[in-house]
Amino acid sequence: MNEIKPELSSSFVQDIKTIIGQARTNAVRSVEFHRVEMYWKMGERIFNEEQQGKERADYGANLLRDLAKQLEPVRAILRNTKKA
């Protein structure tokens, strides 16, 4: 019942390692792209909310401070997700 297992060629194993490596690289690039896109859209949305079509934002509107307070629960969830 001892089956003789053929030895895997080094080129086959190397090809599989290359496929895995390329997939990892592509995954990282995709995440980075979407992260940049997210920050761009957030910045654009904050700018539009703050300016409200005016040349300059109102002084002391505290938009970012208030937004940060509202987003704190989301930030805590993301922080805990990274640890898991």
Protein backbone atom coordinates (compact mmCIF):
# COMPACT_ATOMS: atom_id res chain seq x y z
CA MET A 1 0.00 0.00 0.00
CA ASN A 2 3.00 2.28 -0.16
CA GLU A 3 2.39 4.53 -3.10
CA ILE A 4 5.35 6.09 -4.75
CA LYS A 5 4.72 9.79 -5.01
CA PRO A 6 6.36 11.56 -7.90
CA GLU A 7 8.71 14.35 -6.92
CA LEU A 8 7.45 17.80 -7.75
CA SER A 9 9.59 19.67 -10.20
CA SER A 10 11.27 22.78 -8.90
CA SER A 11 9.84 24.81 -11.80
CA PHE A 12 6.30 23.75 -10.85
CA VAL A 13 6.81 24.74 -7.22
CA GLN A 14 8.43 28.03 -8.30
CA ASP A 15 5.48 28.79 -10.59
CA ILE A 16 3.03 28.28 -7.73
CA LYS A 17 5.13 30.54 -5.46
CA THR A 18 5.18 33.19 -8.19
CA ILE A 19 1.38 33.03 -8.59
CA ILE A 20 0.93 33.44 -4.83
CA GLY A 21 3.39 36.33 -4.71
CA GLN A 22 1.72 38.13 -7.60
CA ALA A 23 -1.70 37.70 -6.00
CA ARG A 24 -0.43 39.16 -2.72
CA THR A 25 1.13 42.12 -4.53
CA ASN A 26 -2.08 42.76 -6.44
CA ALA A 27 -4.13 42.57 -3.25
CA VAL A 28 -1.92 45.16 -1.54
CA ARG A 29 -2.08 47.47 -4.56
CA SER A 30 -5.85 47.18 -4.65
CA VAL A 31 -6.19 48.01 -0.96
CA GLU A 32 -3.85 50.99 -1.31
CA PHE A 33 -5.76 52.26 -4.35
CA HIS A 34 -9.07 52.11 -2.51
CA ARG A 35 -7.57 53.74 0.58
CA VAL A 36 -6.33 56.68 -1.50
CA GLU A 37 -9.70 56.88 -3.24
CA MET A 38 -11.46 56.91 0.16
CA TYR A 39 -9.29 59.74 1.49
CA TRP A 40 -9.78 61.71 -1.73
CA LYS A 41 -13.56 61.37 -1.55
CA MET A 42 -13.60 62.21 2.16
CA GLY A 43 -11.51 65.31 1.55
CA GLU A 44 -13.71 66.40 -1.32
CA ARG A 45 -16.88 65.87 0.74
CA ILE A 46 -15.45 67.74 3.75
CA PHE A 47 -14.34 70.60 1.50
CA ASN A 48 -17.78 70.88 -0.08
CA GLU A 49 -19.54 70.76 3.28
CA GLU A 50 -17.21 73.33 4.79
CA GLN A 51 -17.23 75.77 1.86
CA GLN A 52 -20.91 75.34 0.97
CA GLY A 53 -20.26 77.03 -2.37
CA LYS A 54 -18.53 80.02 -0.79
CA GLU A 55 -15.05 81.28 -1.58
CA ARG A 56 -13.91 80.58 1.99
CA ALA A 57 -15.23 78.52 4.87
CA ASP A 58 -16.75 80.21 7.89
CA TYR A 59 -14.22 80.74 10.65
CA GLY A 60 -14.75 78.61 13.72
CA ALA A 61 -17.32 76.26 12.16
CA ASN A 62 -15.66 73.30 13.95
CA LEU A 63 -16.74 70.92 11.22
CA LEU A 64 -13.72 68.63 11.62
CA ARG A 65 -13.92 68.56 15.40
CA ASP A 66 -17.61 67.66 15.31
CA LEU A 67 -17.05 65.09 12.56
CA ALA A 68 -14.24 63.47 14.55
CA LYS A 69 -16.54 63.12 17.57
CA GLN A 70 -19.22 61.50 15.42
CA LEU A 71 -16.73 59.09 13.85
CA GLU A 72 -15.03 57.98 17.08
CA PRO A 73 -17.22 54.85 17.48
CA VAL A 74 -16.37 53.81 13.90
CA ARG A 75 -12.68 54.37 14.56
CA ALA A 76 -12.84 52.21 17.69
CA ILE A 77 -14.49 49.39 15.73
CA LEU A 78 -11.80 49.56 13.04
CA ARG A 79 -9.03 49.58 15.64
CA ASN A 80 -10.46 46.46 17.29
CA THR A 81 -10.89 44.74 13.91
CA LYS A 82 -7.20 45.21 13.09
CA LYS A 83 -6.21 43.44 16.34
CA ALA A 84 -8.27 40.36 15.53
